């Protein structure tokens, strides 16, 4: 992708500072992650010391995931590529300000999500705001609803369903779509998703369940009608 070449060039402009140091640092993160590897904090520490190759490794690890995220938010390839590039550039430029109170990947996702949302809002002004609570965010929904057959996230895992589900996801309201993408597609934890979006954990759980229910309804309707909406 264009981002790899662009970031590679930017990183090379800043040579490593001082003598190479071994990758060793304590891991401040206790929350498990299915995306970030255990050595992520070591790469971040090295990158902060000026190790260009360490940051380049972070780019290589997360470039495809960040592009998928920005594409899922913007639904526009040009906007997605621009948002991805800006996310990596901003994370590099402000790496010294990263306090490591969350995983680097979570921080990067938040930057990328914000970049993608800015572009989405420009294309669709006044459509939504993540800062505004959605009615029912804190509602307790019946537990048995979660047991209704195959869930949308399970269907998404099936390769032959990708195109169908992608079309259905695109029709979700942006607030629900973003929570679903971060939690079930990007596989962030509930706590990480809440941090990225700046909303409460109960709000994430409520929006995620409602997104799954909406997707299930749309998918059921899709199949009942033989693939037409």
Protein backbone atom coordinates (compact mmCIF):
# COMPACT_ATOMS: atom_id res chain seq x y z
CA UNK A 1 0.00 0.00 0.00
CA UNK A 2 0.97 3.63 -0.37
CA UNK A 3 1.15 3.98 3.41
CA UNK A 4 4.01 1.49 3.76
CA UNK A 5 6.21 3.39 1.31
CA UNK A 6 5.26 6.78 2.72
CA UNK A 7 5.81 5.80 6.35
CA UNK A 8 9.01 3.99 5.45
CA UNK A 9 10.38 7.16 3.88
CA UNK A 10 9.32 9.33 6.83
CA UNK A 11 10.87 6.95 9.34
CA UNK A 12 14.13 6.72 7.44
CA UNK A 13 14.47 10.50 7.66
CA UNK A 14 15.07 10.09 11.40
CA UNK A 15 18.07 7.82 12.10
CA UNK A 16 18.35 5.81 15.33
CA UNK A 17 19.63 7.85 18.26
CA UNK A 18 22.66 6.61 20.20
CA UNK A 19 23.76 3.03 20.63
CA UNK A 20 21.26 0.22 20.05
CA UNK A 21 19.62 -0.97 23.27
CA UNK A 22 18.08 -4.36 23.97
CA UNK A 23 14.30 -4.64 23.78
CA UNK A 24 13.40 -4.77 27.46
CA UNK A 25 10.63 -2.98 29.31
CA UNK A 26 7.84 -3.92 31.68
CA UNK A 27 4.44 -4.51 30.17
CA UNK A 28 1.98 -2.05 31.77
CA UNK A 29 -1.10 -3.68 30.21
CA UNK A 30 -3.10 -6.33 31.98
CA UNK A 31 -6.06 -6.51 29.61
CA UNK A 32 -5.69 -9.38 27.14
CA UNK A 33 -5.69 -8.57 23.44
CA UNK A 34 -6.27 -10.83 20.46
CA UNK A 35 -4.61 -8.29 18.14
CA UNK A 36 -1.56 -6.79 19.82
CA UNK A 37 1.36 -9.13 20.53
CA UNK A 38 3.07 -9.34 23.89
CA UNK A 39 6.19 -7.59 22.59
CA UNK A 40 4.31 -4.51 21.36
CA UNK A 41 5.41 -2.42 24.35
CA UNK A 42 9.03 -3.36 23.63
CA UNK A 43 8.76 -2.03 20.09
CA UNK A 44 7.12 1.15 21.34
CA UNK A 45 9.89 1.68 23.88
CA UNK A 46 12.53 1.15 21.18
CA UNK A 47 10.73 3.50 18.78
CA UNK A 48 10.62 6.17 21.46
CA UNK A 49 14.39 5.88 21.75
CA UNK A 50 14.66 6.59 18.03
CA UNK A 51 14.77 3.07 16.63
CA UNK A 52 13.26 3.55 13.17
CA UNK A 53 13.04 -0.18 12.47
CA UNK A 54 10.94 -0.72 15.59
CA UNK A 55 8.32 1.76 14.42
CA UNK A 56 8.47 0.31 10.92
CA UNK A 57 7.65 -3.10 12.43
CA UNK A 58 4.60 -1.59 14.14
CA UNK A 59 3.48 -0.17 10.80
CA UNK A 60 3.96 -3.53 9.09
CA UNK A 61 1.96 -5.32 11.78
CA UNK A 62 -1.02 -3.00 11.84
CA UNK A 63 -1.23 -1.44 8.37
CA UNK A 64 -3.73 -3.97 6.97
CA UNK A 65 -5.86 -3.90 10.14
CA UNK A 66 -5.96 -0.11 10.26
CA UNK A 67 -6.91 0.09 6.58
CA UNK A 68 -9.70 -2.42 7.14
CA UNK A 69 -10.91 -0.31 10.06
CA UNK A 70 -10.89 2.99 8.16
CA UNK A 71 -12.52 1.31 5.16
CA UNK A 72 -15.27 -0.11 7.35
CA UNK A 73 -15.94 3.34 8.79
CA UNK A 74 -15.71 5.50 5.66
CA UNK A 75 -16.84 2.96 3.03
CA UNK A 76 -14.68 4.94 0.63
CA UNK A 77 -11.25 3.70 -0.47
CA UNK A 78 -9.65 7.10 -0.99
CA UNK A 79 -10.84 8.37 2.40
CA UNK A 80 -9.77 5.11 4.04
CA UNK A 81 -6.23 5.33 2.62
CA UNK A 82 -5.91 8.99 3.63
CA UNK A 83 -7.19 8.27 7.14
CA UNK A 84 -4.79 5.35 7.51
CA UNK A 85 -1.79 7.40 6.38
CA UNK A 86 -2.65 10.29 8.67
CA UNK A 87 -3.15 7.93 11.59
CA UNK A 88 0.35 6.46 11.22
CA UNK A 89 1.92 9.87 10.66
CA UNK A 90 0.24 11.36 13.71
CA UNK A 91 1.13 8.39 15.89
CA UNK A 92 4.75 8.74 14.80
CA UNK A 93 4.83 12.50 15.27
CA UNK A 94 3.30 12.23 18.77
CA UNK A 95 4.91 8.99 19.87
CA UNK A 96 6.79 10.78 22.65
CA UNK A 97 3.42 11.89 24.06
CA UNK A 98 2.06 8.34 24.21
CA UNK A 99 1.78 7.62 27.93
CA UNK A 100 1.31 3.86 27.53
CA UNK A 101 -1.77 3.79 29.74
CA UNK A 102 -3.30 1.69 26.95
CA UNK A 103 -1.89 -0.55 24.26
CA UNK A 104 -0.26 1.20 21.31
CA UNK A 105 -2.69 -0.57 18.99
CA UNK A 106 -5.65 0.80 20.97
CA UNK A 107 -4.15 4.30 20.79
CA UNK A 108 -3.53 3.88 17.05
CA UNK A 109 -7.08 2.63 16.48
CA UNK A 110 -8.48 5.67 18.28
CA UNK A 111 -6.43 8.00 16.07
CA UNK A 112 -7.44 6.10 12.93
CA UNK A 113 -11.10 6.01 13.95
CA UNK A 114 -11.08 9.76 14.55
CA UNK A 115 -9.41 10.40 11.19
CA UNK A 116 -11.95 8.18 9.44
CA UNK A 117 -14.88 9.75 11.28
CA UNK A 118 -13.75 13.25 10.30
CA UNK A 119 -13.84 12.22 6.66
CA UNK A 120 -17.18 10.47 7.08
CA UNK A 121 -18.69 13.56 8.69
CA UNK A 122 -17.46 15.71 5.80
CA UNK A 123 -19.24 13.42 3.35
CA UNK A 124 -22.32 13.01 5.53
CA UNK A 125 -22.66 16.16 7.67
CA UNK A 126 -25.03 16.24 10.63
CA UNK A 127 -25.63 12.49 10.43
CA UNK A 128 -24.30 11.44 13.81
CA UNK A 129 -22.08 12.21 16.78
CA UNK A 130 -20.32 9.67 18.98
CA UNK A 131 -20.47 12.12 21.88
CA UNK A 132 -24.27 12.07 21.97
CA UNK A 133 -25.79 9.25 24.01
CA UNK A 134 -28.13 6.91 22.19
CA UNK A 135 -31.47 6.29 23.83
CA UNK A 136 -31.28 3.00 25.67
CA UNK A 137 -27.47 2.89 25.97
CA UNK A 138 -27.69 1.94 29.62
CA UNK A 139 -30.73 -0.31 29.27
CA UNK A 140 -30.52 -3.89 30.48
CA UNK A 141 -31.64 -6.21 27.70
CA UNK A 142 -32.89 -9.78 28.33
CA UNK A 143 -30.02 -12.26 28.50
CA UNK A 144 -31.89 -14.82 26.41
CA UNK A 145 -31.71 -12.59 23.34
CA UNK A 146 -28.04 -13.50 23.03
CA UNK A 147 -28.93 -17.15 22.38
CA UNK A 148 -30.88 -16.63 19.17
CA UNK A 149 -29.11 -18.90 16.71
CA UNK A 150 -25.87 -18.05 14.86
CA UNK A 151 -24.73 -14.53 15.70
CA UNK A 152 -23.72 -11.99 13.02
CA UNK A 153 -20.11 -12.09 14.17
CA UNK A 154 -20.07 -15.88 13.66
CA UNK A 155 -21.52 -15.43 10.19
CA UNK A 156 -18.83 -12.84 9.43
CA UNK A 157 -16.17 -15.46 10.08
CA UNK A 158 -17.47 -17.48 7.16
CA UNK A 159 -15.63 -16.39 4.03
CA UNK A 160 -18.63 -16.88 1.73
CA UNK A 161 -20.64 -14.45 3.89
CA UNK A 162 -18.23 -11.51 3.73
CA UNK A 163 -19.80 -9.69 0.80
CA UNK A 164 -23.34 -10.19 2.06
CA UNK A 165 -22.57 -9.10 5.60
CA UNK A 166 -20.45 -6.17 4.42
CA UNK A 167 -23.46 -4.87 2.52
CA UNK A 168 -25.68 -5.31 5.58
CA UNK A 169 -23.15 -3.70 7.94
CA UNK A 170 -22.97 -0.68 5.64
CA UNK A 171 -26.67 -0.06 6.29
CA UNK A 172 -26.24 0.10 10.08
CA UNK A 173 -26.43 3.49 11.78
CA UNK A 174 -22.81 4.76 12.14
CA UNK A 175 -22.80 4.55 15.96
CA UNK A 176 -23.80 0.90 15.91
CA UNK A 177 -21.59 0.05 12.93
CA UNK A 178 -18.48 1.49 14.57
CA UNK A 179 -18.98 -0.46 17.81
CA UNK A 180 -19.61 -3.66 15.86
CA UNK A 181 -16.53 -3.15 13.69
CA UNK A 182 -14.21 -2.42 16.62
CA UNK A 183 -15.55 -5.18 18.86
CA UNK A 184 -16.44 -8.05 16.51
CA UNK A 185 -14.41 -7.39 13.37
CA UNK A 186 -11.25 -5.83 14.81
CA UNK A 187 -11.63 -7.97 17.96
CA UNK A 188 -10.89 -5.23 20.48
CA UNK A 189 -12.05 -6.00 24.01
CA UNK A 190 -15.11 -4.24 25.40
CA UNK A 191 -12.85 -2.09 27.57
CA UNK A 192 -10.57 -1.19 24.63
CA UNK A 193 -13.60 -0.31 22.48
CA UNK A 194 -14.91 1.96 25.21
CA UNK A 195 -11.54 3.72 25.42
CA UNK A 196 -11.33 4.17 21.65
CA UNK A 197 -14.80 5.68 21.38
CA UNK A 198 -14.74 7.57 24.66
CA UNK A 199 -17.98 5.99 25.91
CA UNK A 200 -18.81 3.78 28.88
CA UNK A 201 -18.46 -0.01 28.95
CA UNK A 202 -22.24 -0.45 29.45
CA UNK A 203 -22.82 1.77 26.41
CA UNK A 204 -20.50 -0.42 24.32
CA UNK A 205 -22.30 -3.58 25.46
CA UNK A 206 -25.71 -2.08 24.76
CA UNK A 207 -24.79 -0.75 21.31
CA UNK A 208 -23.03 -3.98 20.39
CA UNK A 209 -26.01 -6.13 21.31
CA UNK A 210 -28.37 -3.82 19.46
CA UNK A 211 -26.06 -3.85 16.42
CA UNK A 212 -26.01 -7.67 16.47
CA UNK A 213 -29.80 -7.81 16.73
CA UNK A 214 -30.21 -5.34 13.88
CA UNK A 215 -27.78 -7.33 11.75
CA UNK A 216 -29.57 -10.58 12.55
CA UNK A 217 -32.90 -9.07 11.55
CA UNK A 218 -31.46 -7.70 8.31
CA UNK A 219 -29.75 -11.01 7.50
CA UNK A 220 -32.89 -13.00 8.21
CA UNK A 221 -34.84 -10.68 5.94
CA UNK A 222 -32.14 -10.99 3.29
CA UNK A 223 -32.30 -14.78 3.23
CA UNK A 224 -36.09 -14.95 3.44
CA UNK A 225 -36.23 -12.76 0.34
CA UNK A 226 -33.63 -14.80 -1.48
CA UNK A 227 -30.89 -12.16 -1.41
CA UNK A 228 -32.94 -9.09 -2.23
CA UNK A 229 -33.69 -6.20 0.10
